[in-house]
C-alpha atoms as a PDB file:
ATOM      1  CA  MET A   1      -0.067   0.055  -0.147  1.00  0.00           C
ATOM      2  CA  SER A   2       1.124   3.428  -1.110  1.00  0.00           C
ATOM      3  CA  ARG A   3       1.868   5.921   1.391  1.00  0.00           C
ATOM      4  CA  ALA A   4      -0.856   8.472  -0.098  1.00  0.00           C
ATOM      5  CA  SER A   5      -3.194   5.390   0.305  1.00  0.00           C
ATOM      6  CA  LYS A   6      -2.051   4.594   3.995  1.00  0.00           C
ATOM      7  CA  ARG A   7      -2.719   8.106   5.129  1.00  0.00           C
ATOM      8  CA  ARG A   8      -6.041   8.826   3.184  1.00  0.00           C
ATOM      9  CA  LEU A   9      -7.094   5.473   5.193  1.00  0.00           C
ATOM     10  CA  LEU A  10      -6.247   6.649   8.142  1.00  0.00           C
ATOM     11  CA  LEU A  11      -8.124  10.021   7.387  1.00  0.00           C
ATOM     12  CA  VAL A  12     -11.095   7.953   6.751  1.00  0.00           C
ATOM     13  CA  GLY A  13     -10.942   6.107   9.719  1.00  0.00           C
ATOM     14  CA  LEU A  14     -10.283   9.347  11.608  1.00  0.00           C
ATOM     15  CA  PHE A  15     -13.751  11.135  10.238  1.00  0.00           C
ATOM     16  CA  VAL A  16     -15.825   8.071  11.175  1.00  0.00           C
ATOM     17  CA  GLY A  17     -14.263   7.441  14.399  1.00  0.00           C
ATOM     18  CA  GLY A  18     -15.193  11.568  15.015  1.00  0.00           C
ATOM     19  CA  LEU A  19     -18.364  10.917  13.426  1.00  0.00           C
ATOM     20  CA  ALA A  20     -19.234   8.156  15.532  1.00  0.00           C
ATOM     21  CA  LEU A  21     -17.821   9.576  18.787  1.00  0.00           C
ATOM     22  CA  TRP A  22     -20.479  12.699  18.324  1.00  0.00           C
ATOM     23  CA  LEU A  23     -23.446  10.427  17.553  1.00  0.00           C
ATOM     24  CA  VAL A  24     -22.858   8.435  20.658  1.00  0.00           C
ATOM     25  CA  MET A  25     -22.610  11.772  22.443  1.00  0.00           C
ATOM     26  CA  THR A  26     -25.095  13.326  20.663  1.00  0.00           C
ATOM     27  CA  VAL A  27     -27.817  10.552  21.799  1.00  0.00           C
ATOM     28  CA  THR A  28     -26.594   9.934  25.020  1.00  0.00           C
ATOM     29  CA  PRO A  29     -29.244  11.430  27.719  1.00  0.00           C
ATOM     30  CA  VAL A  30     -26.690  12.367  30.515  1.00  0.00           C
ATOM     31  CA  GLY A  31     -24.893  15.967  29.736  1.00  0.00           C
ATOM     32  CA  ASN A  32     -21.600  16.699  31.479  1.00  0.00           C
ATOM     33  CA  THR A  33     -18.409  17.769  31.051  1.00  0.00           C
ATOM     34  CA  PHE A  34     -16.869  14.630  29.469  1.00  0.00           C
ATOM     35  CA  SER A  35     -19.974  14.355  27.129  1.00  0.00           C
ATOM     36  CA  ARG A  36     -19.327  18.264  26.125  1.00  0.00           C
ATOM     37  CA  LEU A  37     -15.739  17.485  25.286  1.00  0.00           C
ATOM     38  CA  GLY A  38     -16.399  14.077  23.774  1.00  0.00           C
ATOM     39  CA  LEU A  39     -18.972  15.333  21.397  1.00  0.00           C
ATOM     40  CA  LEU A  40     -16.793  18.633  20.719  1.00  0.00           C
ATOM     41  CA  THR A  41     -13.783  16.428  19.846  1.00  0.00           C
ATOM     42  CA  GLY A  42     -16.089  14.019  17.506  1.00  0.00           C
ATOM     43  CA  ALA A  43     -17.056  16.819  15.621  1.00  0.00           C
ATOM     44  CA  GLY A  44     -13.636  18.538  15.484  1.00  0.00           C
ATOM     45  CA  ALA A  45     -11.888  15.399  14.544  1.00  0.00           C
ATOM     46  CA  ALA A  46     -14.785  14.407  11.606  1.00  0.00           C
ATOM     47  CA  LEU A  47     -14.480  18.290  10.444  1.00  0.00           C
ATOM     48  CA  VAL A  48     -10.118  18.156  10.499  1.00  0.00           C
ATOM     49  CA  ALA A  49     -10.271  14.538   8.461  1.00  0.00           C
ATOM     50  CA  LEU A  50     -13.297  15.517   6.202  1.00  0.00           C
ATOM     51  CA  GLY A  51     -10.977  19.051   5.225  1.00  0.00           C
ATOM     52  CA  LEU A  52      -7.816  17.172   4.463  1.00  0.00           C
ATOM     53  CA  LEU A  53      -9.705  14.443   2.271  1.00  0.00           C
ATOM     54  CA  ALA A  54     -10.881  17.216   0.549  1.00  0.00           C
ATOM     55  CA  PRO A  55      -9.623  18.448  -2.816  1.00  0.00           C
ATOM     56  CA  PRO A  56      -8.021  22.203  -2.476  1.00  0.00           C
ATOM     57  CA  ARG A  57     -11.236  24.236  -3.518  1.00  0.00           C
ATOM     58  CA  GLY A  58     -13.171  22.187  -0.951  1.00  0.00           C
ATOM     59  CA  ARG A  59     -10.814  23.364   1.902  1.00  0.00           C
ATOM     60  CA  VAL A  60     -10.795  26.226   1.412  1.00  0.00           C
ATOM     61  CA  VAL A  61     -14.832  26.341   1.288  1.00  0.00           C
ATOM     62  CA  LEU A  62     -15.301  24.415   4.370  1.00  0.00           C
ATOM     63  CA  ALA A  63     -12.676  26.703   6.450  1.00  0.00           C
ATOM     64  CA  GLY A  64     -14.690  29.610   4.445  1.00  0.00           C
ATOM     65  CA  VAL A  65     -17.882  28.279   6.503  1.00  0.00           C
ATOM     66  CA  LEU A  66     -16.392  27.679   9.524  1.00  0.00           C
ATOM     67  CA  LEU A  67     -15.149  30.894   9.813  1.00  0.00           C
ATOM     68  CA  ALA A  68     -17.952  32.281   8.962  1.00  0.00           C
ATOM     69  CA  VAL A  69     -20.218  30.311  11.599  1.00  0.00           C
ATOM     70  CA  MET A  70     -17.702  30.913  14.262  1.00  0.00           C
ATOM     71  CA  SER A  71     -17.394  34.732  13.477  1.00  0.00           C
ATOM     72  CA  VAL A  72     -21.106  35.181  13.727  1.00  0.00           C
ATOM     73  CA  VAL A  73     -21.457  33.286  17.061  1.00  0.00           C
ATOM     74  CA  ALA A  74     -18.585  35.321  18.284  1.00  0.00           C
ATOM     75  CA  PHE A  75     -19.257  38.640  17.094  1.00  0.00           C
ATOM     76  CA  ALA A  76     -22.763  39.296  15.825  1.00  0.00           C
ATOM     77  CA  PRO A  77     -24.874  41.410  18.164  1.00  0.00           C
ATOM     78  CA  ALA A  78     -27.585  40.051  20.203  1.00  0.00           C
ATOM     79  CA  ARG A  79     -30.606  42.396  19.611  1.00  0.00           C
ATOM     80  CA  PRO A  80     -33.716  42.851  21.880  1.00  0.00           C
ATOM     81  CA  LEU A  81     -35.637  39.690  21.655  1.00  0.00           C
ATOM     82  CA  ASP A  82     -39.215  39.085  21.678  1.00  0.00           C
ATOM     83  CA  VAL A  83     -40.278  38.285  25.301  1.00  0.00           C
ATOM     84  CA  ALA A  84     -43.405  36.991  24.887  1.00  0.00           C
ATOM     85  CA  ARG A  85     -42.309  34.327  22.417  1.00  0.00           C
ATOM     86  CA  VAL A  86     -39.541  33.416  24.148  1.00  0.00           C
ATOM     87  CA  ARG A  87     -42.027  32.646  27.233  1.00  0.00           C
ATOM     88  CA  ALA A  88     -44.242  30.848  25.065  1.00  0.00           C
ATOM     89  CA  GLY A  89     -41.606  29.039  23.642  1.00  0.00           C
ATOM     90  CA  VAL A  90     -40.193  27.891  27.061  1.00  0.00           C
ATOM     91  CA  VAL A  91     -43.288  26.508  27.835  1.00  0.00           C
ATOM     92  CA  LYS A  92     -43.822  24.789  24.743  1.00  0.00           C
ATOM     93  CA  GLU A  93     -40.598  22.948  25.001  1.00  0.00           C
ATOM     94  CA  ALA A  94     -41.011  21.740  28.320  1.00  0.00           C
ATOM     95  CA  ARG A  95     -44.763  20.900  27.439  1.00  0.00           C
ATOM     96  CA  GLY A  96     -42.983  19.310  24.625  1.00  0.00           C
ATOM     97  CA  LEU A  97     -41.011  16.362  26.946  1.00  0.00           C
ATOM     98  CA  ALA A  98     -43.860  15.253  28.749  1.00  0.00           C
ATOM     99  CA  GLY A  99     -43.709  11.666  29.715  1.00  0.00           C
ATOM    100  CA  THR A 100     -39.892  11.646  29.171  1.00  0.00           C
ATOM    101  CA  ARG A 101     -38.413   9.262  31.663  1.00  0.00           C
ATOM    102  CA  TYR A 102     -36.771  10.970  34.451  1.00  0.00           C
ATOM    103  CA  VAL A 103     -32.909  10.233  33.966  1.00  0.00           C
ATOM    104  CA  TRP A 104     -30.290  11.692  36.715  1.00  0.00           C
ATOM    105  CA  GLY A 105     -28.450  14.251  34.798  1.00  0.00           C
ATOM    106  CA  GLY A 106     -30.357  13.991  31.642  1.00  0.00           C
ATOM    107  CA  GLU A 107     -30.742  16.660  28.965  1.00  0.00           C
ATOM    108  CA  ASN A 108     -32.598  15.372  26.464  1.00  0.00           C
ATOM    109  CA  GLY A 109     -36.083  13.423  24.736  1.00  0.00           C
ATOM    110  CA  LEU A 110     -34.104  10.332  26.077  1.00  0.00           C
ATOM    111  CA  GLY A 111     -34.012  11.276  29.796  1.00  0.00           C
ATOM    112  CA  ILE A 112     -34.156  14.710  31.842  1.00  0.00           C
ATOM    113  CA  ASP A 113     -34.002  15.589  35.445  1.00  0.00           C
ATOM    114  CA  CYS A 114     -35.438  18.502  36.831  1.00  0.00           C
ATOM    115  CA  SER A 115     -32.778  20.917  36.644  1.00  0.00           C
ATOM    116  CA  GLY A 116     -32.121  19.748  32.576  1.00  0.00           C
ATOM    117  CA  LEU A 117     -35.621  20.667  31.580  1.00  0.00           C
ATOM    118  CA  VAL A 118     -35.405  24.316  33.040  1.00  0.00           C
ATOM    119  CA  ARG A 119     -32.648  24.987  31.056  1.00  0.00           C
ATOM    120  CA  ASN A 120     -33.219  22.579  27.902  1.00  0.00           C
ATOM    121  CA  SER A 121     -36.427  24.447  27.803  1.00  0.00           C
ATOM    122  CA  LEU A 122     -34.692  27.712  27.664  1.00  0.00           C
ATOM    123  CA  ARG A 123     -32.063  26.986  25.270  1.00  0.00           C
ATOM    124  CA  HIS A 124     -34.488  25.545  23.002  1.00  0.00           C
ATOM    125  CA  ALA A 125     -36.768  28.227  22.807  1.00  0.00           C
ATOM    126  CA  LEU A 126     -33.921  30.713  22.390  1.00  0.00           C
ATOM    127  CA  LEU A 127     -32.471  28.808  19.335  1.00  0.00           C
ATOM    128  CA  GLU A 128     -35.961  29.167  17.888  1.00  0.00           C
ATOM    129  CA  GLU A 129     -35.965  32.877  18.573  1.00  0.00           C
ATOM    130  CA  VAL A 130     -32.479  33.303  16.300  1.00  0.00           C
ATOM    131  CA  PHE A 131     -34.225  32.046  13.728  1.00  0.00           C
ATOM    132  CA  ALA A 132     -37.491  33.417  14.305  1.00  0.00           C
ATOM    133  CA  GLY A 133     -35.859  36.542  15.539  1.00  0.00           C
ATOM    134  CA  ALA A 134     -33.213  36.875  12.788  1.00  0.00           C
ATOM    135  CA  ASN A 135     -30.956  37.575  16.155  1.00  0.00           C
ATOM    136  CA  PRO A 136     -28.075  35.346  15.468  1.00  0.00           C
ATOM    137  CA  GLY A 137     -26.136  37.088  18.934  1.00  0.00           C
ATOM    138  CA  LEU A 138     -28.427  34.585  21.120  1.00  0.00           C
ATOM    139  CA  LEU A 139     -26.621  31.653  19.811  1.00  0.00           C
ATOM    140  CA  ARG A 140     -23.605  32.701  22.395  1.00  0.00           C
ATOM    141  CA  ALA A 141     -26.178  32.227  25.100  1.00  0.00           C
ATOM    142  CA  VAL A 142     -27.824  29.263  24.020  1.00  0.00           C
ATOM    143  CA  LEU A 143     -24.074  27.776  23.702  1.00  0.00           C
ATOM    144  CA  GLU A 144     -23.185  28.990  27.558  1.00  0.00           C
ATOM    145  CA  LEU A 145     -26.416  27.380  28.541  1.00  0.00           C
ATOM    146  CA  TRP A 146     -25.822  23.805  26.906  1.00  0.00           C
ATOM    147  CA  PHE A 147     -22.130  23.657  27.797  1.00  0.00           C
ATOM    148  CA  PHE A 148     -22.189  24.883  31.243  1.00  0.00           C
ATOM    149  CA  ASP A 149     -24.069  22.370  33.618  1.00  0.00           C
ATOM    150  CA  ALA A 150     -26.499  23.451  36.522  1.00  0.00           C
ATOM    151  CA  SER A 151     -28.041  21.759  39.377  1.00  0.00           C
ATOM    152  CA  ALA A 152     -31.475  22.781  40.681  1.00  0.00           C
ATOM    153  CA  LEU A 153     -28.939  24.743  43.487  1.00  0.00           C
ATOM    154  CA  ALA A 154     -26.778  26.441  41.052  1.00  0.00           C
ATOM    155  CA  LEU A 155     -30.076  27.395  39.483  1.00  0.00           C
ATOM    156  CA  LYS A 156     -31.435  28.926  42.720  1.00  0.00           C
ATOM    157  CA  ASP A 157     -28.161  30.830  43.126  1.00  0.00           C
ATOM    158  CA  GLY A 158     -28.414  32.666  39.891  1.00  0.00           C
ATOM    159  CA  TYR A 159     -26.330  30.005  37.380  1.00  0.00           C
ATOM    160  CA  ARG A 160     -23.470  32.509  36.401  1.00  0.00           C
ATOM    161  CA  GLY A 161     -25.841  35.742  36.757  1.00  0.00           C
ATOM    162  CA  LEU A 162     -28.615  34.151  34.041  1.00  0.00           C
ATOM    163  CA  ALA A 163     -31.251  33.995  36.718  1.00  0.00           C
ATOM    164  CA  ARG A 164     -32.645  36.411  39.147  1.00  0.00           C
ATOM    165  CA  PRO A 165     -34.586  35.790  42.667  1.00  0.00           C
ATOM    166  CA  LEU A 166     -38.363  37.038  42.498  1.00  0.00           C
ATOM    167  CA  GLY A 167     -38.959  36.439  46.148  1.00  0.00           C
ATOM    168  CA  THR A 168     -39.674  33.333  48.242  1.00  0.00           C
ATOM    169  CA  VAL A 169     -42.819  31.455  49.361  1.00  0.00           C
ATOM    170  CA  GLU A 170     -43.558  29.066  51.834  1.00  0.00           C
ATOM    171  CA  SER A 171     -45.853  26.939  49.647  1.00  0.00           C
ATOM    172  CA  LEU A 172     -46.324  26.916  45.645  1.00  0.00           C
ATOM    173  CA  ASN A 173     -50.147  25.512  46.735  1.00  0.00           C
ATOM    174  CA  ALA A 174     -50.298  29.211  48.396  1.00  0.00           C
ATOM    175  CA  LEU A 175     -49.020  30.857  45.449  1.00  0.00           C
ATOM    176  CA  PRO A 176     -51.414  33.376  43.424  1.00  0.00           C
ATOM    177  CA  PRO A 177     -51.070  32.507  39.675  1.00  0.00           C
ATOM    178  CA  SER A 178     -50.403  36.261  38.936  1.00  0.00           C
ATOM    179  CA  ALA A 179     -47.353  35.727  40.905  1.00  0.00           C
ATOM    180  CA  LEU A 180     -45.236  34.839  37.834  1.00  0.00           C
ATOM    181  CA  GLU A 181     -44.964  34.569  34.116  1.00  0.00           C
ATOM    182  CA  PRO A 182     -44.931  31.601  32.225  1.00  0.00           C
ATOM    183  CA  GLY A 183     -41.429  30.421  31.349  1.00  0.00           C
ATOM    184  CA  ASP A 184     -40.361  31.627  34.936  1.00  0.00           C
ATOM    185  CA  PHE A 185     -39.464  29.022  37.241  1.00  0.00           C
ATOM    186  CA  MET A 186     -38.965  27.436  41.137  1.00  0.00           C
ATOM    187  CA  VAL A 187     -36.305  25.949  43.019  1.00  0.00           C
ATOM    188  CA  THR A 188     -36.648  24.315  46.461  1.00  0.00           C
ATOM    189  CA  ALA A 189     -35.568  26.045  49.293  1.00  0.00           C
ATOM    190  CA  ASN A 190     -33.056  23.309  49.645  1.00  0.00           C
ATOM    191  CA  GLY A 191     -31.923  23.091  46.183  1.00  0.00           C
ATOM    192  CA  VAL A 192     -33.037  19.943  45.570  1.00  0.00           C
ATOM    193  CA  HIS A 193     -35.878  20.237  42.823  1.00  0.00           C
ATOM    194  CA  THR A 194     -36.811  22.619  40.296  1.00  0.00           C
ATOM    195  CA  MET A 195     -39.815  23.056  37.949  1.00  0.00           C
ATOM    196  CA  VAL A 196     -41.170  25.396  35.006  1.00  0.00           C
ATOM    197  CA  TYR A 197     -43.949  27.864  35.249  1.00  0.00           C
ATOM    198  CA  ALA A 198     -46.403  27.486  32.829  1.00  0.00           C
ATOM    199  CA  GLY A 199     -49.050  29.563  33.677  1.00  0.00           C
ATOM    200  CA  ASP A 200     -52.625  28.948  35.243  1.00  0.00           C
ATOM    201  CA  GLY A 201     -51.068  27.589  38.193  1.00  0.00           C
ATOM    202  CA  GLU A 202     -49.712  24.584  36.255  1.00  0.00           C
ATOM    203  CA  TRP A 203     -46.140  23.452  36.367  1.00  0.00           C
ATOM    204  CA  LEU A 204     -44.400  21.356  34.229  1.00  0.00           C
ATOM    205  CA  GLU A 205     -41.579  19.324  36.163  1.00  0.00           C
ATOM    206  CA  ALA A 206     -39.083  16.117  35.853  1.00  0.00           C
ATOM    207  CA  ASP A 207     -40.314  14.448  38.952  1.00  0.00           C
ATOM    208  CA  PRO A 208     -37.965  12.165  40.620  1.00  0.00           C
ATOM    209  CA  ASP A 209     -40.632  10.092  42.411  1.00  0.00           C
ATOM    210  CA  VAL A 210     -42.951   9.443  39.693  1.00  0.00           C
ATOM    211  CA  GLY A 211     -39.786   8.755  36.925  1.00  0.00           C
ATOM    212  CA  ARG A 212     -40.712  10.982  34.193  1.00  0.00           C
ATOM    213  CA  VAL A 213     -41.678  14.779  32.978  1.00  0.00           C
ATOM    214  CA  ILE A 214     -45.247  15.616  34.102  1.00  0.00           C
ATOM    215  CA  ALA A 215     -47.690  19.092  34.626  1.00  0.00           C
ATOM    216  CA  VAL A 216     -49.156  19.625  37.806  1.00  0.00           C
ATOM    217  CA  THR A 217     -52.107  22.424  38.402  1.00  0.00           C
ATOM    218  CA  THR A 218     -52.222  23.698  42.239  1.00  0.00           C
ATOM    219  CA  PRO A 219     -53.508  23.061  44.539  1.00  0.00           C
ATOM    220  CA  THR A 220     -51.926  19.521  44.863  1.00  0.00           C
ATOM    221  CA  THR A 221     -50.696  16.741  47.050  1.00  0.00           C
ATOM    222  CA  ASN A 222     -47.522  16.292  45.206  1.00  0.00           C
ATOM    223  CA  GLY A 223     -45.013  16.587  48.037  1.00  0.00           C
ATOM    224  CA  TRP A 224     -42.810  18.948  46.116  1.00  0.00           C
ATOM    225  CA  PHE A 225     -45.542  21.937  46.196  1.00  0.00           C
ATOM    226  CA  THR A 226     -45.843  21.655  49.948  1.00  0.00           C
ATOM    227  CA  LEU A 227     -42.024  23.233  50.498  1.00  0.00           C
ATOM    228  CA  PRO A 228     -40.533  26.541  50.654  1.00  0.00           C
ATOM    229  CA  ALA A 229     -39.212  27.782  47.458  1.00  0.00           C
ATOM    230  CA  ALA A 230     -37.392  30.086  45.433  1.00  0.00           C
ATOM    231  CA  LEU A 231     -39.204  31.815  42.734  1.00  0.00           C
ATOM    232  CA  MET A 232     -36.726  32.563  40.264  1.00  0.00           C
ATOM    233  CA  ARG A 233     -36.748  34.425  36.331  1.00  0.00           C
ATOM    234  CA  TRP A 234     -34.582  34.438  33.562  1.00  0.00           C
ATOM    235  CA  ALA A 235     -32.593  37.656  33.367  1.00  0.00           C
ATOM    236  CA  VAL A 236     -33.302  37.474  29.299  1.00  0.00           C
ATOM    237  CA  LEU A 237     -36.621  37.679  30.206  1.00  0.00           C
ATOM    238  CA  ASP A 238     -36.887  40.734  31.880  1.00  0.00           C
ATOM    239  CA  GLY A 239     -33.255  42.837  30.792  1.00  0.00           C
ATOM    240  CA  ALA A 240     -31.791  41.811  34.234  1.00  0.00           C
ATOM    241  CA  SER A 241     -28.712  40.569  32.676  1.00  0.00           C
ATOM    242  CA  SER A 242     -25.512  40.830  34.890  1.00  0.00           C
ATOM    243  CA  ARG A 243     -23.674  40.662  31.394  1.00  0.00           C
END
């Protein structure tokens, strides 16, 4: 086998291996630093191999596309978003995961936990706003929500300045429906559980006791609704970002 053939075979193997790693990390429900780095490594290896396998003109085109995408993500200004549309998007995304099995550390439709549901709902709502509102600058917020994991406790503490407290209540069962807006969320005072507010007293949660994502309307006997809780709002939904 010639040297050129060996090189091509090696690059094909790198492409296939990188693509396989990317696919495995994509369909893995649990999201953490390892899975994110694995996904980025797989995608990077596949793209590098593809570029080296392509003819010179193809390499230029691929490099140009990648440079353009990275430039948009890094430098495109984030314009004011349609808050009502994003709030509706958060609720739609959370509701769309109803019935999904509870998996500790899960972040997608194959398995999700409580904080994963809260973050996933905002992330996808913002991604929809990137296209619906022609607002590519929001991609930075989407990537930040994806890359940096967060427990319910971290959300309660403001999660990198991306959320702010609205107050505390002794019980969600006693919370007036008008106290929050759809897309807001809560975290139990002990930082163990979090859920998305859908409006009209309805909450969407990945309930570890039930084992899946459910919708619950107050008043209810569900134990999470009898605990003291912190009421939270995403900063992008009221312009109170600390950035």
